[in-house]
Amino acid sequence: MVCHLADKLGMCAARTLMEKKMNKVIEADFFPRESNLEFSWRGSTASSTAKEKRRILIVDNDRDSTHLVKILLEKIGWYSVLEENDATRAHLSAQNFRPDLILLDVMMPGTDGGEVAAQIEGDPDLQRTPIIFLTALVTKAEANAGLRIQGHRFLAKPVNIPELITAIEENLAAAAPVLS
């Protein structure tokens, strides 16, 4: 919100200073203290150097949230993230980007997450793409209880990044083709 107001007032210097401070907070709060990012989340499928980056599409009308999640996921080095802040364009973005997984907000203006999920599931080229719903409509306890929205896992907002990475890796592993 502060950055948004600073942009409105044309205070680019304030934004740059705020971004530097945020980067320090983000790194301190969300990443391991070691400088080597060769760590493994419980259930992860591979190390950052041993695999190609997985494509993640995040659909949420809150630009700040999508951008923060994008930065955090890409910083790990395992993911390439595309942000889509207009739910009506989410299906087209998925068709063009061909994500390995979609993070999808439930409540959005115009088209909600359930409608976007139905479009994805109705597309033969995308129907097997795992979807994780992100929602502020449930508590963390409800999210951890194993309940599902339209058959898809969901996480409560605000999202805990280690939990998000674990959920991403579990869904990618479950969606991976079985080699004989």
N, C-alpha and C. Protein backbone atom coordinates (compact mmCIF):
# COMPACT_ATOMS: atom_id res chain seq x y z
N MET A 1 0.82 -1.18 0.00
CA MET A 1 0.00 0.00 0.00
C MET A 1 0.87 1.25 0.00
N VAL A 2 1.93 1.25 0.80
CA VAL A 2 2.82 2.40 0.87
C VAL A 2 3.46 2.65 -0.49
N CYS A 3 3.92 1.57 -1.15
CA CYS A 3 4.53 1.71 -2.47
C CYS A 3 3.53 2.23 -3.48
N HIS A 4 2.28 1.75 -3.38
CA HIS A 4 1.24 2.20 -4.30
C HIS A 4 1.02 3.70 -4.13
N LEU A 5 0.92 4.16 -2.90
CA LEU A 5 0.73 5.59 -2.64
C LEU A 5 1.94 6.39 -3.09
N ALA A 6 3.14 5.85 -2.87
CA ALA A 6 4.35 6.55 -3.30
C ALA A 6 4.36 6.70 -4.81
N ASP A 7 3.93 5.66 -5.53
CA ASP A 7 3.85 5.74 -6.98
C ASP A 7 2.88 6.83 -7.41
N LYS A 8 1.74 6.87 -6.74
CA LYS A 8 0.72 7.88 -7.05
C LYS A 8 1.27 9.29 -6.87
N LEU A 9 2.12 9.47 -5.86
CA LEU A 9 2.68 10.78 -5.57
C LEU A 9 3.97 11.04 -6.34
N GLY A 10 4.42 10.06 -7.12
CA GLY A 10 5.64 10.21 -7.90
C GLY A 10 6.89 10.14 -7.05
N MET A 11 6.84 9.42 -5.98
CA MET A 11 7.97 9.34 -5.07
C MET A 11 8.78 8.08 -5.35
N CYS A 12 9.49 8.06 -6.47
CA CYS A 12 10.25 6.89 -6.88
C CYS A 12 11.37 6.58 -5.90
N ALA A 13 12.00 7.60 -5.34
CA ALA A 13 13.09 7.37 -4.39
C ALA A 13 12.57 6.64 -3.16
N ALA A 14 11.38 7.01 -2.71
CA ALA A 14 10.78 6.34 -1.55
C ALA A 14 10.52 4.88 -1.87
N ARG A 15 10.08 4.60 -3.09
CA ARG A 15 9.81 3.22 -3.49
C ARG A 15 11.10 2.41 -3.52
N THR A 16 12.17 2.98 -4.08
CA THR A 16 13.44 2.28 -4.15
C THR A 16 13.95 1.94 -2.75
N LEU A 17 13.87 2.89 -1.84
CA LEU A 17 14.29 2.65 -0.47
C LEU A 17 13.43 1.58 0.18
N MET A 18 12.11 1.64 -0.04
CA MET A 18 11.18 0.66 0.52
C MET A 18 11.48 -0.73 -0.04
N GLU A 19 11.76 -0.83 -1.35
CA GLU A 19 12.07 -2.13 -1.96
C GLU A 19 13.32 -2.73 -1.35
N LYS A 20 14.35 -1.90 -1.13
CA LYS A 20 15.59 -2.41 -0.52
C LYS A 20 15.31 -2.97 0.87
N LYS A 21 14.52 -2.23 1.66
CA LYS A 21 14.19 -2.69 3.00
C LYS A 21 13.35 -3.96 2.94
N MET A 22 12.38 -4.03 2.01
CA MET A 22 11.53 -5.21 1.86
C MET A 22 12.36 -6.43 1.47
N ASN A 23 13.33 -6.25 0.57
CA ASN A 23 14.16 -7.37 0.16
C ASN A 23 14.90 -7.97 1.35
N LYS A 24 15.39 -7.11 2.23
CA LYS A 24 16.08 -7.61 3.42
C LYS A 24 15.11 -8.37 4.32
N VAL A 25 13.92 -7.85 4.51
CA VAL A 25 12.91 -8.51 5.33
C VAL A 25 12.52 -9.84 4.71
N ILE A 26 12.27 -9.83 3.42
CA ILE A 26 11.86 -11.05 2.72
C ILE A 26 12.93 -12.13 2.85
N GLU A 27 14.17 -11.76 2.58
CA GLU A 27 15.24 -12.74 2.67
C GLU A 27 15.41 -13.26 4.09
N ALA A 28 15.28 -12.37 5.06
CA ALA A 28 15.46 -12.79 6.45
C ALA A 28 14.32 -13.70 6.91
N ASP A 29 13.11 -13.42 6.46
CA ASP A 29 11.96 -14.17 6.95
C ASP A 29 11.66 -15.45 6.18
N PHE A 30 12.01 -15.53 4.91
CA PHE A 30 11.53 -16.63 4.10
C PHE A 30 12.61 -17.58 3.59
N PHE A 31 13.85 -17.20 3.66
CA PHE A 31 14.88 -18.04 3.09
C PHE A 31 15.84 -18.53 4.16
N PRO A 32 16.47 -19.67 3.91
CA PRO A 32 17.42 -20.21 4.87
C PRO A 32 18.55 -19.22 5.11
N ARG A 33 19.14 -19.29 6.27
CA ARG A 33 20.22 -18.37 6.63
C ARG A 33 21.48 -18.63 5.80
N GLU A 34 21.67 -19.86 5.32
CA GLU A 34 22.84 -20.18 4.53
C GLU A 34 22.77 -19.45 3.20
N SER A 35 23.93 -19.14 2.62
CA SER A 35 23.95 -18.47 1.33
C SER A 35 23.71 -19.46 0.19
N ASN A 36 23.91 -20.75 0.43
CA ASN A 36 23.71 -21.77 -0.58
C ASN A 36 22.24 -22.18 -0.61
N LEU A 37 21.59 -22.02 -1.76
CA LEU A 37 20.18 -22.35 -1.86
C LEU A 37 19.94 -23.82 -2.19
N GLU A 38 20.95 -24.65 -2.03
CA GLU A 38 20.81 -26.08 -2.26
C GLU A 38 20.15 -26.73 -1.06
N PHE A 39 18.93 -26.38 -0.79
CA PHE A 39 18.21 -26.96 0.32
C PHE A 39 17.03 -27.72 -0.23
N SER A 40 16.41 -28.51 0.61
CA SER A 40 15.31 -29.32 0.15
C SER A 40 14.11 -29.16 1.06
N TRP A 41 12.96 -28.81 0.50
CA TRP A 41 11.73 -28.77 1.26
C TRP A 41 11.23 -30.19 1.39
N ARG A 42 10.56 -30.47 2.47
CA ARG A 42 9.97 -31.80 2.66
C ARG A 42 9.12 -32.12 1.45
N GLY A 43 9.40 -33.23 0.80
CA GLY A 43 8.61 -33.64 -0.35
C GLY A 43 9.07 -33.06 -1.67
N SER A 44 10.19 -32.33 -1.68
CA SER A 44 10.62 -31.73 -2.94
C SER A 44 11.08 -32.82 -3.90
N THR A 45 10.94 -32.54 -5.20
CA THR A 45 11.22 -33.56 -6.20
C THR A 45 12.64 -33.52 -6.74
N ALA A 46 13.34 -32.40 -6.58
CA ALA A 46 14.71 -32.33 -7.08
C ALA A 46 15.40 -31.08 -6.55
N SER A 47 16.72 -31.03 -6.70
CA SER A 47 17.45 -29.83 -6.28
C SER A 47 17.39 -28.77 -7.36
N SER A 48 17.75 -27.55 -7.01
CA SER A 48 17.63 -26.43 -7.94
C SER A 48 18.56 -26.57 -9.14
N THR A 49 19.69 -27.26 -9.00
CA THR A 49 20.62 -27.37 -10.11
C THR A 49 20.32 -28.60 -10.97
N ALA A 50 19.55 -29.55 -10.47
CA ALA A 50 19.35 -30.80 -11.18
C ALA A 50 18.11 -30.82 -12.06
N LYS A 51 17.35 -29.74 -12.12
CA LYS A 51 16.14 -29.79 -12.91
C LYS A 51 15.90 -28.48 -13.64
N GLU A 52 15.12 -28.59 -14.66
CA GLU A 52 14.69 -27.41 -15.40
C GLU A 52 13.67 -26.67 -14.54
N LYS A 53 13.66 -25.35 -14.68
CA LYS A 53 12.71 -24.57 -13.89
C LYS A 53 11.29 -24.95 -14.28
N ARG A 54 10.45 -25.11 -13.28
CA ARG A 54 9.04 -25.43 -13.50
C ARG A 54 8.28 -24.12 -13.67
N ARG A 55 7.30 -24.14 -14.57
CA ARG A 55 6.51 -22.95 -14.87
C ARG A 55 5.29 -22.90 -13.95
N ILE A 56 5.16 -21.78 -13.24
CA ILE A 56 4.04 -21.57 -12.33
C ILE A 56 3.27 -20.33 -12.81
N LEU A 57 1.97 -20.49 -12.98
CA LEU A 57 1.10 -19.36 -13.29
C LEU A 57 0.37 -19.00 -12.00
N ILE A 58 0.45 -17.73 -11.60
CA ILE A 58 -0.29 -17.29 -10.42
C ILE A 58 -1.34 -16.29 -10.88
N VAL A 59 -2.59 -16.58 -10.53
CA VAL A 59 -3.73 -15.76 -10.93
C VAL A 59 -4.37 -15.18 -9.68
N ASP A 60 -4.29 -13.87 -9.55
CA ASP A 60 -4.87 -13.17 -8.41
C ASP A 60 -5.01 -11.71 -8.82
N ASN A 61 -6.11 -11.09 -8.46
CA ASN A 61 -6.31 -9.70 -8.84
C ASN A 61 -5.46 -8.73 -8.00
N ASP A 62 -4.85 -9.21 -6.93
CA ASP A 62 -3.99 -8.38 -6.09
C ASP A 62 -2.57 -8.40 -6.65
N ARG A 63 -2.21 -7.34 -7.38
CA ARG A 63 -0.90 -7.27 -8.03
C ARG A 63 0.26 -7.38 -7.05
N ASP A 64 0.12 -6.76 -5.89
CA ASP A 64 1.20 -6.81 -4.90
C ASP A 64 1.44 -8.24 -4.42
N SER A 65 0.37 -8.98 -4.18
CA SER A 65 0.49 -10.37 -3.74
C SER A 65 1.15 -11.24 -4.80
N THR A 66 0.68 -11.13 -6.04
CA THR A 66 1.26 -11.97 -7.09
C THR A 66 2.72 -11.64 -7.30
N HIS A 67 3.05 -10.37 -7.24
CA HIS A 67 4.44 -9.98 -7.46
C HIS A 67 5.35 -10.48 -6.34
N LEU A 68 4.88 -10.39 -5.10
CA LEU A 68 5.67 -10.87 -3.97
C LEU A 68 5.89 -12.38 -4.07
N VAL A 69 4.85 -13.13 -4.37
CA VAL A 69 4.99 -14.58 -4.51
C VAL A 69 5.92 -14.90 -5.67
N LYS A 70 5.81 -14.19 -6.77
CA LYS A 70 6.69 -14.39 -7.93
C LYS A 70 8.16 -14.21 -7.52
N ILE A 71 8.44 -13.10 -6.85
CA ILE A 71 9.82 -12.82 -6.41
C ILE A 71 10.33 -13.93 -5.51
N LEU A 72 9.53 -14.32 -4.53
CA LEU A 72 9.96 -15.34 -3.57
C LEU A 72 10.19 -16.69 -4.24
N LEU A 73 9.30 -17.09 -5.12
CA LEU A 73 9.46 -18.39 -5.79
C LEU A 73 10.64 -18.38 -6.76
N GLU A 74 10.80 -17.30 -7.50
CA GLU A 74 11.90 -17.24 -8.46
C GLU A 74 13.25 -17.13 -7.77
N LYS A 75 13.29 -16.53 -6.60
CA LYS A 75 14.54 -16.39 -5.84
C LYS A 75 15.11 -17.78 -5.49
N ILE A 76 14.25 -18.74 -5.28
CA ILE A 76 14.70 -20.09 -4.95
C ILE A 76 15.46 -20.71 -6.12
N GLY A 77 15.06 -20.36 -7.33
CA GLY A 77 15.76 -20.86 -8.51
C GLY A 77 15.11 -22.05 -9.17
N TRP A 78 14.02 -22.56 -8.64
CA TRP A 78 13.36 -23.75 -9.18
C TRP A 78 12.25 -23.41 -10.13
N TYR A 79 11.75 -22.17 -10.07
CA TYR A 79 10.52 -21.84 -10.77
C TYR A 79 10.66 -20.60 -11.66
N SER A 80 9.89 -20.61 -12.72
CA SER A 80 9.68 -19.44 -13.56
C SER A 80 8.20 -19.11 -13.39
N VAL A 81 7.89 -17.89 -12.96
CA VAL A 81 6.53 -17.54 -12.58
C VAL A 81 5.97 -16.45 -13.48
N LEU A 82 4.75 -16.67 -13.94
CA LEU A 82 4.01 -15.66 -14.70
C LEU A 82 2.85 -15.19 -13.84
N GLU A 83 2.71 -13.88 -13.74
CA GLU A 83 1.61 -13.28 -12.99
C GLU A 83 0.47 -12.95 -13.95
N GLU A 84 -0.75 -13.24 -13.55
CA GLU A 84 -1.94 -12.80 -14.29
C GLU A 84 -2.89 -12.18 -13.27
N ASN A 85 -3.18 -10.91 -13.46
CA ASN A 85 -4.01 -10.20 -12.50
C ASN A 85 -5.43 -9.96 -12.99
N ASP A 86 -5.76 -10.51 -14.15
CA ASP A 86 -7.11 -10.39 -14.69
C ASP A 86 -7.64 -11.81 -14.91
N ALA A 87 -8.59 -12.20 -14.09
CA ALA A 87 -9.11 -13.57 -14.15
C ALA A 87 -9.73 -13.89 -15.51
N THR A 88 -10.25 -12.89 -16.21
CA THR A 88 -10.86 -13.15 -17.52
C THR A 88 -9.80 -13.53 -18.56
N ARG A 89 -8.54 -13.22 -18.29
CA ARG A 89 -7.45 -13.58 -19.21
C ARG A 89 -6.65 -14.79 -18.73
N ALA A 90 -7.03 -15.37 -17.60
CA ALA A 90 -6.27 -16.46 -17.00
C ALA A 90 -6.16 -17.68 -17.91
N HIS A 91 -7.27 -18.07 -18.53
CA HIS A 91 -7.25 -19.25 -19.40
C HIS A 91 -6.32 -19.01 -20.60
N LEU A 92 -6.39 -17.85 -21.21
CA LEU A 92 -5.52 -17.53 -22.34
C LEU A 92 -4.06 -17.51 -21.90
N SER A 93 -3.79 -16.94 -20.75
CA SER A 93 -2.42 -16.93 -20.23
C SER A 93 -1.91 -18.36 -20.01
N ALA A 94 -2.77 -19.22 -19.50
CA ALA A 94 -2.40 -20.62 -19.29
C ALA A 94 -2.14 -21.32 -20.62
N GLN A 95 -2.97 -21.05 -21.62
CA GLN A 95 -2.76 -21.66 -22.94
C GLN A 95 -1.41 -21.24 -23.53
N ASN A 96 -1.05 -19.98 -23.37
CA ASN A 96 0.19 -19.46 -23.94
C ASN A 96 1.42 -19.87 -23.13
N PHE A 97 1.32 -19.86 -21.82
CA PHE A 97 2.46 -20.12 -20.92
C PHE A 97 2.70 -21.61 -20.67
N ARG A 98 1.64 -22.42 -20.77
CA ARG A 98 1.71 -23.87 -20.52
C ARG A 98 2.34 -24.16 -19.16
N PRO A 99 1.71 -23.69 -18.08
CA PRO A 99 2.31 -23.88 -16.76
C PRO A 99 2.31 -25.34 -16.32
N ASP A 100 3.25 -25.65 -15.45
CA ASP A 100 3.30 -26.97 -14.83
C ASP A 100 2.33 -27.02 -13.65
N LEU A 101 1.97 -25.83 -13.12
CA LEU A 101 1.07 -25.73 -11.99
C LEU A 101 0.47 -24.32 -11.97
N ILE A 102 -0.77 -24.22 -11.47
CA ILE A 102 -1.44 -22.92 -11.39
C ILE A 102 -1.81 -22.64 -9.94
N LEU A 103 -1.44 -21.45 -9.47
CA LEU A 103 -1.87 -20.94 -8.17
C LEU A 103 -3.02 -19.99 -8.47
N LEU A 104 -4.18 -20.24 -7.87
CA LEU A 104 -5.40 -19.55 -8.28
C LEU A 104 -6.17 -19.01 -7.08
N ASP A 105 -6.37 -17.69 -7.07
CA ASP A 105 -7.18 -17.08 -6.01
C ASP A 105 -8.63 -17.47 -6.23
N VAL A 106 -9.36 -17.62 -5.14
CA VAL A 106 -10.78 -18.01 -5.24
C VAL A 106 -11.65 -16.80 -5.56
N MET A 107 -11.51 -15.73 -4.79
CA MET A 107 -12.37 -14.57 -4.96
C MET A 107 -11.70 -13.50 -5.80
N MET A 108 -12.23 -13.27 -7.00
CA MET A 108 -11.73 -12.22 -7.88
C MET A 108 -12.93 -11.57 -8.55
N PRO A 109 -12.80 -10.29 -8.90
CA PRO A 109 -13.92 -9.62 -9.56
C PRO A 109 -14.16 -10.19 -10.96
N GLY A 110 -15.41 -10.20 -11.36
CA GLY A 110 -15.75 -10.69 -12.70
C GLY A 110 -15.82 -12.20 -12.74
N THR A 111 -14.71 -12.82 -12.97
CA THR A 111 -14.61 -14.28 -13.05
C THR A 111 -13.91 -14.79 -11.80
N ASP A 112 -14.55 -15.69 -11.05
CA ASP A 112 -13.88 -16.18 -9.84
C ASP A 112 -13.01 -17.39 -10.14
N GLY A 113 -12.25 -17.80 -9.14
CA GLY A 113 -11.32 -18.90 -9.31
C GLY A 113 -11.97 -20.21 -9.73
N GLY A 114 -13.19 -20.45 -9.25
CA GLY A 114 -13.90 -21.68 -9.64
C GLY A 114 -14.19 -21.70 -11.13
N GLU A 115 -14.57 -20.57 -11.68
CA GLU A 115 -14.84 -20.49 -13.12
C GLU A 115 -13.56 -20.68 -13.93
N VAL A 116 -12.47 -20.08 -13.46
CA VAL A 116 -11.18 -20.24 -14.14
C VAL A 116 -10.76 -21.70 -14.10
N ALA A 117 -10.91 -22.35 -12.95
CA ALA A 117 -10.55 -23.77 -12.84
C ALA A 117 -11.38 -24.62 -13.80
N ALA A 118 -12.66 -24.31 -13.92
CA ALA A 118 -13.52 -25.06 -14.84
C ALA A 118 -13.05 -24.88 -16.29
N GLN A 119 -12.63 -23.68 -16.65
CA GLN A 119 -12.11 -23.44 -18.01
C GLN A 119 -10.84 -24.25 -18.25
N ILE A 120 -9.96 -24.26 -17.27
CA ILE A 120 -8.70 -25.01 -17.38
C ILE A 120 -9.00 -26.51 -17.50
N GLU A 121 -9.89 -27.00 -16.66
CA GLU A 121 -10.23 -28.43 -16.68
C GLU A 121 -10.95 -28.83 -17.96
N GLY A 122 -11.62 -27.90 -18.61
CA GLY A 122 -12.33 -28.18 -19.86
C GLY A 122 -11.44 -28.11 -21.08
N ASP A 123 -10.21 -27.67 -20.91
CA ASP A 123 -9.26 -27.54 -22.02
C ASP A 123 -8.42 -28.82 -22.09
N PRO A 124 -8.51 -29.58 -23.18
CA PRO A 124 -7.78 -30.85 -23.27
C PRO A 124 -6.27 -30.70 -23.08
N ASP A 125 -5.71 -29.54 -23.47
CA ASP A 125 -4.27 -29.33 -23.34
C ASP A 125 -3.84 -28.94 -21.92
N LEU A 126 -4.79 -28.51 -21.10
CA LEU A 126 -4.46 -28.02 -19.76
C LEU A 126 -5.11 -28.82 -18.64
N GLN A 127 -6.04 -29.70 -18.97
CA GLN A 127 -6.87 -30.34 -17.95
C GLN A 127 -6.08 -31.12 -16.89
N ARG A 128 -4.88 -31.54 -17.19
CA ARG A 128 -4.08 -32.28 -16.20
C ARG A 128 -3.15 -31.37 -15.41
N THR A 129 -3.25 -30.06 -15.62
CA THR A 129 -2.41 -29.09 -14.91
C THR A 129 -2.90 -28.97 -13.47
N PRO A 130 -2.03 -29.25 -12.50
CA PRO A 130 -2.45 -29.12 -11.10
C PRO A 130 -2.81 -27.68 -10.76
N ILE A 131 -3.82 -27.52 -9.93
CA ILE A 131 -4.27 -26.21 -9.46
C ILE A 131 -4.24 -26.22 -7.94
N ILE A 132 -3.69 -25.17 -7.36
CA ILE A 132 -3.76 -24.95 -5.92
C ILE A 132 -4.50 -23.63 -5.73
N PHE A 133 -5.62 -23.70 -5.01
CA PHE A 133 -6.37 -22.49 -4.71
C PHE A 133 -5.71 -21.76 -3.54
N LEU A 134 -5.70 -20.44 -3.62
CA LEU A 134 -5.25 -19.59 -2.53
C LEU A 134 -6.45 -18.77 -2.11
N THR A 135 -6.77 -18.77 -0.83
CA THR A 135 -7.98 -18.06 -0.40
C THR A 135 -7.88 -17.52 1.00
N ALA A 136 -8.49 -16.37 1.19
CA ALA A 136 -8.60 -15.77 2.52
C ALA A 136 -9.93 -16.17 3.16
N LEU A 137 -10.71 -17.00 2.48
CA LEU A 137 -12.03 -17.38 2.97
C LEU A 137 -12.00 -18.51 3.99
N VAL A 138 -10.84 -19.10 4.20
CA VAL A 138 -10.72 -20.20 5.15
C VAL A 138 -9.59 -19.92 6.14
N THR A 139 -9.61 -20.66 7.22
CA THR A 139 -8.53 -20.54 8.20
C THR A 139 -7.42 -21.52 7.84
N LYS A 140 -6.27 -21.33 8.45
CA LYS A 140 -5.16 -22.26 8.23
C LYS A 140 -5.54 -23.66 8.72
N ALA A 141 -6.31 -23.74 9.80
CA ALA A 141 -6.74 -25.05 10.32
C ALA A 141 -7.61 -25.76 9.30
N GLU A 142 -8.53 -25.04 8.67
CA GLU A 142 -9.38 -25.64 7.64
C GLU A 142 -8.54 -26.10 6.44
N ALA A 143 -7.57 -25.28 6.07
CA ALA A 143 -6.70 -25.65 4.94
C ALA A 143 -5.89 -26.89 5.26
N ASN A 144 -5.44 -27.02 6.50
CA ASN A 144 -4.62 -28.16 6.91
C ASN A 144 -5.44 -29.42 7.17
N ALA A 145 -6.76 -29.30 7.20
CA ALA A 145 -7.63 -30.44 7.49
C ALA A 145 -7.80 -31.37 6.29
N GLY A 146 -7.22 -31.02 5.17
CA GLY A 146 -7.32 -31.90 4.00
C GLY A 146 -8.56 -31.67 3.16
N LEU A 147 -9.32 -30.66 3.47
CA LEU A 147 -10.49 -30.33 2.65
C LEU A 147 -10.02 -29.85 1.29
N ARG A 148 -10.91 -29.91 0.31
CA ARG A 148 -10.56 -29.50 -1.04
C ARG A 148 -11.64 -28.59 -1.61
N ILE A 149 -11.25 -27.75 -2.54
CA ILE A 149 -12.19 -26.91 -3.27
C ILE A 149 -12.22 -27.44 -4.70
N GLN A 150 -13.38 -27.90 -5.14
CA GLN A 150 -13.55 -28.49 -6.47
C GLN A 150 -12.51 -29.59 -6.72
N GLY A 151 -12.16 -30.31 -5.68
CA GLY A 151 -11.20 -31.40 -5.81
C GLY A 151 -9.75 -30.97 -5.77
N HIS A 152 -9.49 -29.68 -5.59
CA HIS A 152 -8.12 -29.15 -5.59
C HIS A 152 -7.72 -28.74 -4.19
N ARG A 153 -6.44 -28.91 -3.92
CA ARG A 153 -5.88 -28.45 -2.65
C ARG A 153 -6.01 -26.94 -2.56
N PHE A 154 -6.09 -26.43 -1.34
CA PHE A 154 -6.09 -24.98 -1.17
C PHE A 154 -5.25 -24.60 0.03
N LEU A 155 -4.74 -23.39 -0.01
CA LEU A 155 -3.96 -22.83 1.09
C LEU A 155 -4.61 -21.54 1.54
N ALA A 156 -4.57 -21.29 2.84
CA ALA A 156 -5.14 -20.08 3.39
C ALA A 156 -4.17 -18.91 3.23
N LYS A 157 -4.73 -17.75 2.91
CA LYS A 157 -3.94 -16.52 2.86
C LYS A 157 -3.92 -15.92 4.25
N PRO A 158 -2.86 -15.25 4.65
CA PRO A 158 -1.63 -15.06 3.89
C PRO A 158 -0.86 -16.37 3.79
N VAL A 159 -0.27 -16.58 2.65
CA VAL A 159 0.41 -17.84 2.36
C VAL A 159 1.78 -17.87 3.02
N ASN A 160 2.07 -18.99 3.65
CA ASN A 160 3.37 -19.26 4.22
C ASN A 160 4.22 -19.85 3.09
N ILE A 161 5.32 -19.22 2.75
CA ILE A 161 6.11 -19.63 1.58
C ILE A 161 6.63 -21.06 1.68
N PRO A 162 7.20 -21.50 2.80
CA PRO A 162 7.61 -22.91 2.87
C PRO A 162 6.44 -23.88 2.65
N GLU A 163 5.26 -23.56 3.20
CA GLU A 163 4.08 -24.41 2.97
C GLU A 163 3.68 -24.39 1.50
N LEU A 164 3.77 -23.23 0.87
CA LEU A 164 3.44 -23.11 -0.55
C LEU A 164 4.38 -23.95 -1.39
N ILE A 165 5.66 -23.89 -1.10
CA ILE A 165 6.64 -24.67 -1.87
C ILE A 165 6.40 -26.16 -1.68
N THR A 166 6.10 -26.57 -0.45
CA THR A 166 5.80 -27.97 -0.20
C THR A 166 4.57 -28.40 -1.00
N ALA A 167 3.52 -27.58 -0.99
CA ALA A 167 2.30 -27.90 -1.75
C ALA A 167 2.59 -27.95 -3.25
N ILE A 168 3.39 -27.03 -3.75
CA ILE A 168 3.75 -27.03 -5.17
C ILE A 168 4.48 -28.31 -5.52
N GLU A 169 5.50 -28.65 -4.74
CA GLU A 169 6.30 -29.83 -5.03
C GLU A 169 5.47 -31.12 -4.93
N GLU A 170 4.59 -31.20 -3.95
CA GLU A 170 3.73 -32.39 -3.82
C GLU A 170 2.80 -32.52 -5.03
N ASN A 171 2.23 -31.40 -5.47
CA ASN A 171 1.33 -31.44 -6.63
C ASN A 171 2.08 -31.75 -7.92
N LEU A 172 3.29 -31.22 -8.07
CA LEU A 172 4.08 -31.52 -9.26
C LEU A 172 4.47 -32.99 -9.29
N ALA A 173 4.83 -33.53 -8.13
CA ALA A 173 5.20 -34.95 -8.05
C ALA A 173 4.00 -35.84 -8.37
N ALA A 174 2.83 -35.47 -7.87
CA ALA A 174 1.62 -36.27 -8.11
C ALA A 174 1.20 -36.20 -9.58
N ALA A 175 1.48 -35.09 -10.24
CA ALA A 175 1.08 -34.92 -11.63
C ALA A 175 2.11 -35.47 -12.62
N ALA A 176 3.30 -35.80 -12.13
CA ALA A 176 4.36 -36.29 -13.00
C ALA A 176 3.98 -37.64 -13.60
N PRO A 177 4.28 -37.83 -14.88
CA PRO A 177 3.98 -39.12 -15.50
C PRO A 177 4.81 -40.24 -14.87
N VAL A 178 4.21 -41.38 -14.71
CA VAL A 178 4.89 -42.53 -14.13
C VAL A 178 5.72 -43.20 -15.22
N LEU A 179 7.02 -43.34 -14.96
CA LEU A 179 7.91 -43.98 -15.94
C LEU A 179 8.00 -45.47 -15.63
N SER A 180 7.88 -46.30 -16.66
CA SER A 180 7.94 -47.74 -16.43
C SER A 180 9.33 -48.26 -16.63
